[in-house]
Amino acid sequence: MKQPSFNIGIEEEYQIVDPQTRELRSYITQMIADKTRTLMEIDIKPELHQSIVEVGTKVCQTPAEARAELVRLRRGVIELAGQHGLKIVAAGTHPFSNWLHQEITPFERYVGVRQDMQILAQQLLIFGTHVHVGIEDPEIMIDVMNVARYLMPHILCLSTSSPFWVGQNTGLMSYRSVIFRNFPRTGTAPRFNSYAEFQRFVDTLVKTNSIPDGTKIWWDLRPNYKYPTLEMRVCDVCTRVDEAICIAAIYQAICYKCWKLRRSNMTFRVYSSSLIEENKWRAVRYGLDGKLIDFGKQEELPARDLVTEMIEWFIGDVVDELGSRDEVEYAYRIMKEGTSAHRQLETYRQTGDLKAVVDRLIRETEEGIL
């Protein structure tokens, strides 16, 4: 059995913010035009709303290489925004800007999404981190997806950064997940017995004019339509770059461990999407502060305990092979100090001011970058 590459690519979606009002600013088309004029070496892309800018790393072999790439991209975007007197924020939602007031990017692709999804598209003012891991054999990819789905709520717990929505404390750690769940073909992926079965699923939707192609399947974990990668889409965008690299390293290690088990004719128990969704809800609501269900033991346990078990028991024997122990073990700092959502809520408790929350997010987005 040929070993997959397990290379890494990371995409991040950022908020474009006016530092005076702390509101979102619809400005991506101007930033793209300015980048074209200055020929800056950063790959920035528009998204559905004009106040979102997306970046994507090159294909990287290790989390350390991905970190250097992500630092380079964040620095470039921050500097480009600064030329226009603007700031960049990495958080799953903006603390108080209203989605009703945001402009849709005037490109055909996004106008089409607005037409198809109507008000749901306008409401989709959310920001995520997507991690690609290279798995060139499609059958191995499906096998890894079936197993790794179970651990998506665990990883979400480490990335929560969206406790606020339109000026309200939602009481949830990842409100971004709730907004995205309104779209079709989201949430936990179904289990497939083969890549052929997955392809028949996609072909049926295309043939019946439900989707134009596989890019419109938005599960938390999906075979990417364009590249031979298994793409993780469950996470809020991580405010600190080290948080993003941590979750990418954990995800790479999960994929590698699943492959090693398959190579040895072994596997991890595969659970139904409905059961995994129970854990997903707990991750959305409470993040690290709640309990997740250990379905093997049929009991709920503190989320931090099960995340620790994932790191030490499930992937602990492969992180040294991948050279990613330091990046993976950053999760212990996250579990001790809290995620971006914890820090946002603490700032709001101390100040009662959502603008102060935005200010903290700006500082943390730049942390280790400038």
Protein backbone atom coordinates (compact mmCIF):
# COMPACT_ATOMS: atom_id res chain seq x y z
CA MET A 1 0.00 0.00 0.00
CA LYS A 2 1.56 3.27 -1.14
CA GLN A 3 1.80 5.91 1.57
CA PRO A 4 -0.14 9.11 0.86
CA SER A 5 1.79 12.39 0.91
CA PHE A 6 -0.08 13.77 3.95
CA ASN A 7 0.99 17.25 2.86
CA ILE A 8 -0.86 20.23 4.30
CA GLY A 9 -2.63 23.29 2.97
CA ILE A 10 -4.45 25.84 5.12
CA GLU A 11 -7.09 28.39 4.11
CA GLU A 12 -8.17 31.19 6.45
CA GLU A 13 -10.98 33.73 6.15
CA TYR A 14 -10.40 37.11 7.80
CA GLN A 15 -12.53 40.09 8.69
CA ILE A 16 -11.70 43.50 7.20
CA VAL A 17 -12.27 46.00 10.02
CA ASP A 18 -12.27 49.79 10.33
CA PRO A 19 -10.07 50.49 13.40
CA GLN A 20 -12.00 53.64 14.26
CA THR A 21 -15.54 52.24 14.33
CA ARG A 22 -14.41 48.59 14.78
CA GLU A 23 -17.12 47.72 12.24
CA LEU A 24 -16.63 45.45 9.28
CA ARG A 25 -15.68 47.29 6.09
CA SER A 26 -16.69 46.13 2.61
CA TYR A 27 -13.36 46.50 0.88
CA ILE A 28 -12.10 43.30 -0.72
CA THR A 29 -12.40 44.42 -4.36
CA GLN A 30 -10.28 47.52 -3.62
CA MET A 31 -7.68 45.37 -1.82
CA ILE A 32 -7.47 42.97 -4.77
CA ALA A 33 -7.04 45.88 -7.18
CA ASP A 34 -4.29 47.35 -5.00
CA LYS A 35 -2.54 43.98 -4.73
CA THR A 36 -2.57 43.73 -8.53
CA ARG A 37 -0.95 47.13 -8.85
CA THR A 38 1.73 46.46 -6.26
CA LEU A 39 2.35 42.81 -7.31
CA MET A 40 2.53 41.72 -3.67
CA GLU A 41 3.49 38.08 -3.22
CA ILE A 42 0.36 37.02 -1.38
CA ASP A 43 -2.53 34.98 -2.70
CA ILE A 44 -5.71 36.70 -1.55
CA LYS A 45 -9.18 35.77 -2.71
CA PRO A 46 -12.62 37.30 -2.29
CA GLU A 47 -15.46 35.57 -0.54
CA LEU A 48 -19.22 35.98 -0.52
CA HIS A 49 -19.14 39.27 1.41
CA GLN A 50 -16.99 42.25 0.56
CA SER A 51 -15.78 42.41 4.17
CA ILE A 52 -14.09 38.98 3.96
CA VAL A 53 -10.61 38.26 2.62
CA GLU A 54 -9.38 34.70 2.18
CA VAL A 55 -5.82 33.40 2.00
CA GLY A 56 -4.44 29.97 1.18
CA THR A 57 -0.99 28.56 1.84
CA LYS A 58 1.11 26.73 -0.67
CA VAL A 59 1.32 22.96 -0.34
CA CYS A 60 3.44 22.30 2.75
CA GLN A 61 5.09 19.13 3.96
CA THR A 62 5.08 19.86 7.69
CA PRO A 63 3.18 22.01 10.20
CA ALA A 64 6.36 24.04 10.72
CA GLU A 65 6.48 24.86 7.02
CA ALA A 66 2.76 25.69 7.09
CA ARG A 67 3.35 28.05 10.00
CA ALA A 68 5.98 30.00 8.07
CA GLU A 69 3.56 30.23 5.13
CA LEU A 70 0.65 31.36 7.30
CA VAL A 71 2.79 34.01 9.01
CA ARG A 72 3.87 35.30 5.59
CA LEU A 73 0.28 35.45 4.35
CA ARG A 74 -1.12 37.08 7.48
CA ARG A 75 1.66 39.66 7.43
CA GLY A 76 0.97 40.45 3.78
CA VAL A 77 -2.77 40.85 4.29
CA ILE A 78 -2.28 42.95 7.43
CA GLU A 79 0.15 45.22 5.59
CA LEU A 80 -2.12 45.47 2.54
CA ALA A 81 -5.12 46.37 4.74
CA GLY A 82 -2.96 48.86 6.62
CA GLN A 83 -2.26 50.73 3.40
CA HIS A 84 -5.97 51.54 3.39
CA GLY A 85 -6.11 52.39 7.09
CA LEU A 86 -7.83 49.09 7.88
CA LYS A 87 -7.17 46.15 10.20
CA ILE A 88 -7.54 42.38 9.92
CA VAL A 89 -9.32 40.19 12.47
CA ALA A 90 -9.32 36.39 12.69
CA ALA A 91 -12.50 35.29 14.51
CA GLY A 92 -15.45 33.11 13.52
CA THR A 93 -17.92 36.00 13.74
CA HIS A 94 -17.67 39.75 14.21
CA PRO A 95 -18.80 40.71 17.72
CA PHE A 96 -21.39 43.27 16.64
CA SER A 97 -21.49 44.14 12.90
CA ASN A 98 -24.88 43.34 11.38
CA TRP A 99 -25.05 40.98 8.42
CA LEU A 100 -27.95 43.00 6.98
CA HIS A 101 -25.59 45.88 6.25
CA GLN A 102 -22.88 43.90 4.42
CA GLU A 103 -22.35 44.03 0.67
CA ILE A 104 -22.17 40.89 -1.46
CA THR A 105 -19.03 40.65 -3.62
CA PRO A 106 -20.16 41.59 -7.17
CA PHE A 107 -18.69 38.54 -8.91
CA GLU A 108 -20.87 36.11 -10.86
CA ARG A 109 -20.12 33.21 -8.52
CA TYR A 110 -21.32 35.06 -5.43
CA VAL A 111 -24.28 36.68 -7.10
CA GLY A 112 -25.33 33.15 -8.03
CA VAL A 113 -24.99 31.96 -4.43
CA ARG A 114 -27.10 34.92 -3.28
CA GLN A 115 -29.73 34.01 -5.87
CA ASP A 116 -29.76 30.33 -4.87
CA MET A 117 -29.65 30.73 -1.11
CA GLN A 118 -31.50 34.03 -0.74
CA ILE A 119 -31.37 35.45 2.79
CA LEU A 120 -29.26 32.51 4.01
CA ALA A 121 -26.40 33.76 1.82
CA GLN A 122 -26.68 37.30 3.16
CA GLN A 123 -26.59 35.92 6.69
CA LEU A 124 -23.46 33.84 6.04
CA LEU A 125 -21.12 36.43 7.56
CA ILE A 126 -18.82 33.84 9.12
CA PHE A 127 -15.11 33.04 9.02
CA GLY A 128 -13.47 29.62 9.10
CA THR A 129 -10.20 27.73 8.91
CA HIS A 130 -10.02 24.94 6.33
CA VAL A 131 -7.20 22.39 6.46
CA HIS A 132 -6.33 20.12 3.52
CA VAL A 133 -4.31 16.93 3.95
CA GLY A 134 -3.07 15.14 0.86
CA ILE A 135 -4.45 11.60 0.45
CA GLU A 136 -4.02 10.63 -3.18
CA ASP A 137 -5.74 7.22 -3.09
CA PRO A 138 -9.51 7.93 -3.10
CA GLU A 139 -10.36 4.67 -1.32
CA ILE A 140 -7.98 5.47 1.52
CA MET A 141 -9.43 8.97 1.62
CA ILE A 142 -12.96 7.65 2.18
CA ASP A 143 -11.74 5.20 4.82
CA VAL A 144 -9.94 8.01 6.68
CA MET A 145 -13.00 10.26 6.41
CA ASN A 146 -15.27 7.60 7.90
CA VAL A 147 -13.06 7.31 10.98
CA ALA A 148 -11.90 10.92 11.40
CA ARG A 149 -15.47 12.28 11.42
CA TYR A 150 -15.72 11.15 15.05
CA LEU A 151 -12.96 13.54 16.12
CA MET A 152 -14.25 16.69 14.41
CA PRO A 153 -16.13 17.89 17.55
CA HIS A 154 -12.95 17.43 19.58
CA ILE A 155 -11.01 19.65 17.18
CA LEU A 156 -13.82 22.22 17.07
CA CYS A 157 -13.52 22.56 20.85
CA LEU A 158 -9.94 23.78 20.36
CA SER A 159 -10.85 26.39 17.73
CA THR A 160 -13.98 28.14 19.02
CA SER A 161 -13.87 31.87 18.30
CA SER A 162 -17.45 33.01 17.70
CA PRO A 163 -19.39 33.63 20.93
CA PHE A 164 -20.98 36.89 19.72
CA TRP A 165 -23.49 37.61 16.96
CA VAL A 166 -24.91 41.04 16.05
CA GLY A 167 -23.93 42.48 19.42
CA GLN A 168 -25.34 39.62 21.47
CA ASN A 169 -23.59 37.12 23.70
CA THR A 170 -25.10 34.00 22.14
CA GLY A 171 -24.23 31.68 25.02
CA LEU A 172 -22.53 29.46 22.44
CA MET A 173 -18.79 29.11 21.89
CA SER A 174 -19.10 28.58 18.11
CA TYR A 175 -22.10 30.47 16.78
CA ARG A 176 -20.47 30.34 13.36
CA SER A 177 -21.32 26.63 13.28
CA VAL A 178 -25.02 27.40 13.81
CA ILE A 179 -25.13 29.94 10.98
CA PHE A 180 -23.37 27.60 8.57
CA ARG A 181 -25.70 24.72 9.49
CA ASN A 182 -28.52 26.60 7.76
CA PHE A 183 -26.88 25.80 4.42
CA PRO A 184 -27.66 22.45 2.77
CA ARG A 185 -25.08 19.65 2.68
CA THR A 186 -23.32 20.81 5.84
CA GLY A 187 -22.56 19.17 9.19
CA THR A 188 -21.19 15.67 9.71
CA ALA A 189 -20.52 13.71 6.54
CA PRO A 190 -22.38 10.44 5.96
CA ARG A 191 -20.47 7.19 6.06
CA PHE A 192 -19.57 5.77 2.65
CA ASN A 193 -18.51 2.21 1.88
CA SER A 194 -16.32 3.24 -1.04
CA TYR A 195 -15.23 6.20 -3.13
CA ALA A 196 -17.52 4.92 -5.88
CA GLU A 197 -20.48 5.24 -3.53
CA PHE A 198 -19.47 8.82 -2.70
CA GLN A 199 -19.08 9.62 -6.39
CA ARG A 200 -22.54 8.21 -7.15
CA PHE A 201 -23.91 10.49 -4.43
CA VAL A 202 -22.30 13.54 -6.05
CA ASP A 203 -23.32 12.46 -9.55
CA THR A 204 -26.95 12.08 -8.48
CA LEU A 205 -27.03 15.61 -7.09
CA VAL A 206 -25.42 16.99 -10.24
CA LYS A 207 -27.75 15.05 -12.56
CA THR A 208 -30.82 16.31 -10.69
CA ASN A 209 -29.62 19.94 -10.86
CA SER A 210 -29.17 20.12 -7.10
CA ILE A 211 -25.53 21.20 -7.38
CA PRO A 212 -23.25 22.09 -10.32
CA ASP A 213 -20.36 20.03 -8.95
CA GLY A 214 -18.74 18.72 -5.75
CA THR A 215 -17.65 22.16 -4.57
CA LYS A 216 -21.18 22.70 -3.24
CA ILE A 217 -20.83 19.92 -0.67
CA TRP A 218 -19.84 21.64 2.57
CA TRP A 219 -19.52 18.90 5.18
CA ASP A 220 -17.22 19.31 8.19
CA LEU A 221 -14.95 16.81 6.46
CA ARG A 222 -15.10 16.28 2.71
CA PRO A 223 -13.10 14.93 -0.23
CA ASN A 224 -12.06 18.10 -2.02
CA TYR A 225 -13.46 18.37 -5.53
CA LYS A 226 -10.38 19.98 -7.11
CA TYR A 227 -7.45 18.48 -5.23
CA PRO A 228 -6.56 14.99 -3.90
CA THR A 229 -7.07 16.15 -0.32
CA LEU A 230 -9.39 15.40 2.56
CA GLU A 231 -10.53 18.84 3.67
CA MET A 232 -11.47 19.69 7.26
CA ARG A 233 -13.96 22.57 7.43
CA VAL A 234 -15.34 22.26 10.97
CA CYS A 235 -13.24 24.96 12.66
CA ASP A 236 -13.83 28.61 13.40
CA VAL A 237 -10.93 30.67 12.08
CA CYS A 238 -8.24 30.67 14.76
CA THR A 239 -7.29 34.06 16.17
CA ARG A 240 -3.67 33.20 16.94
CA VAL A 241 -1.55 31.65 14.20
CA ASP A 242 -0.20 29.06 16.66
CA GLU A 243 -3.77 27.85 17.28
CA ALA A 244 -4.30 27.34 13.55
CA ILE A 245 -1.08 25.37 13.21
CA CYS A 246 -1.97 23.26 16.25
CA ILE A 247 -5.28 22.11 14.77
CA ALA A 248 -3.65 21.51 11.38
CA ALA A 249 -0.98 19.36 13.02
CA ILE A 250 -3.56 17.38 14.99
CA TYR A 251 -5.63 16.81 11.88
CA GLN A 252 -2.61 15.68 9.84
CA ALA A 253 -1.70 13.24 12.61
CA ILE A 254 -5.26 11.86 12.71
CA CYS A 255 -5.16 11.20 8.97
CA TYR A 256 -1.74 9.56 9.25
CA LYS A 257 -2.84 7.38 12.17
CA CYS A 258 -5.97 6.25 10.30
CA TRP A 259 -3.79 5.23 7.36
CA LYS A 260 -1.38 3.32 9.60
CA LEU A 261 -4.29 1.42 11.11
CA ARG A 262 -5.64 0.56 7.66
CA ARG A 263 -2.18 -0.56 6.51
CA SER A 264 -2.15 -2.97 9.46
CA ASN A 265 -5.66 -4.17 8.56
CA MET A 266 -7.07 -2.39 11.62
CA THR A 267 -9.44 0.51 12.13
CA PHE A 268 -11.21 2.63 14.73
CA ARG A 269 -14.89 2.10 15.39
CA VAL A 270 -17.04 4.07 12.94
CA TYR A 271 -20.07 5.85 14.41
CA SER A 272 -23.23 7.18 12.82
CA SER A 273 -23.53 10.80 11.78
CA SER A 274 -26.40 11.24 14.22
CA LEU A 275 -24.26 10.29 17.20
CA ILE A 276 -21.38 12.46 16.07
CA GLU A 277 -23.80 15.38 15.71
CA GLU A 278 -24.62 15.05 19.41
CA ASN A 279 -20.97 15.73 20.19
CA LYS A 280 -20.86 18.48 17.57
CA TRP A 281 -23.69 20.29 19.37
CA ARG A 282 -21.86 20.00 22.70
CA ALA A 283 -18.72 21.46 21.09
CA VAL A 284 -20.75 24.32 19.58
CA ARG A 285 -22.51 25.10 22.85
CA TYR A 286 -19.83 24.63 25.49
CA GLY A 287 -16.51 24.09 23.69
CA LEU A 288 -13.81 22.92 26.08
CA ASP A 289 -15.95 23.76 29.11
CA GLY A 290 -18.55 21.08 28.43
CA LYS A 291 -18.64 17.32 28.17
CA LEU A 292 -18.32 15.14 25.11
CA ILE A 293 -19.68 11.63 24.80
CA ASP A 294 -17.36 8.65 24.67
CA PHE A 295 -19.62 6.41 22.62
CA GLY A 296 -17.45 3.36 23.23
CA LYS A 297 -17.91 3.71 26.99
CA GLN A 298 -21.45 5.08 26.59
CA GLU A 299 -20.75 7.94 28.97
CA GLU A 300 -20.07 11.66 28.91
CA LEU A 301 -16.70 12.95 30.03
CA PRO A 302 -15.11 16.41 30.29
CA ALA A 303 -14.17 17.69 26.84
CA ARG A 304 -10.63 18.42 27.98
CA ASP A 305 -10.22 14.77 29.03
CA LEU A 306 -11.33 13.45 25.65
CA VAL A 307 -9.22 15.97 23.73
CA THR A 308 -6.24 14.89 25.85
CA GLU A 309 -7.07 11.25 25.10
CA MET A 310 -7.16 12.06 21.38
CA ILE A 311 -3.68 13.59 21.61
CA GLU A 312 -2.05 11.04 23.89
CA TRP A 313 -3.77 7.79 22.97
CA PHE A 314 -4.94 8.13 19.38
CA ILE A 315 -2.12 10.16 17.77
CA GLY A 316 0.57 10.15 20.46
CA ASP A 317 2.54 7.41 18.73
CA VAL A 318 2.74 9.16 15.34
CA VAL A 319 3.50 12.83 16.06
CA ASP A 320 7.25 12.19 16.35
CA GLU A 321 7.22 10.41 12.99
CA LEU A 322 5.61 13.53 11.53
CA GLY A 323 7.91 15.88 13.44
CA SER A 324 4.93 17.77 14.84
CA ARG A 325 4.97 17.10 18.59
CA ASP A 326 5.53 20.76 19.51
CA GLU A 327 2.70 21.96 17.28
CA VAL A 328 0.29 19.27 18.52
CA GLU A 329 1.12 19.82 22.18
CA TYR A 330 0.24 23.52 21.86
CA ALA A 331 -3.27 22.12 22.47
CA TYR A 332 -2.36 21.82 26.15
CA ARG A 333 -1.86 25.59 26.28
CA ILE A 334 -5.24 26.08 24.60
CA MET A 335 -6.90 23.78 27.13
CA LYS A 336 -5.21 25.61 30.02
CA GLU A 337 -5.69 29.21 28.87
CA GLY A 338 -8.83 28.85 26.76
CA THR A 339 -9.71 29.49 23.14
CA SER A 340 -10.35 32.81 21.44
CA ALA A 341 -13.99 32.52 22.49
CA HIS A 342 -12.94 32.35 26.15
CA ARG A 343 -10.72 35.41 25.75
CA GLN A 344 -13.41 37.40 23.97
CA LEU A 345 -15.95 36.62 26.69
CA GLU A 346 -13.47 37.52 29.42
CA THR A 347 -12.69 40.87 27.77
CA TYR A 348 -16.40 41.61 27.53
CA ARG A 349 -16.94 40.66 31.18
CA GLN A 350 -14.15 43.02 32.20
CA THR A 351 -15.12 45.96 29.99
CA GLY A 352 -18.74 45.56 28.92
CA ASP A 353 -17.52 46.91 25.57
CA LEU A 354 -17.61 44.90 22.34
CA LYS A 355 -15.24 47.40 20.74
CA ALA A 356 -12.67 46.34 23.33
CA VAL A 357 -13.27 42.76 22.18
CA VAL A 358 -12.49 43.79 18.60
CA ASP A 359 -9.35 45.58 19.75
CA ARG A 360 -8.14 42.43 21.48
CA LEU A 361 -8.88 40.36 18.39
CA ILE A 362 -6.84 42.76 16.25
CA ARG A 363 -3.88 42.44 18.62
CA GLU A 364 -4.07 38.65 18.80
CA THR A 365 -4.44 38.28 15.03
CA GLU A 366 -1.15 40.18 14.69
CA GLU A 367 0.54 38.22 17.50
CA GLY A 368 3.80 36.72 16.30
CA ILE A 369 3.27 38.23 12.84
CA LEU A 370 4.53 41.82 12.94
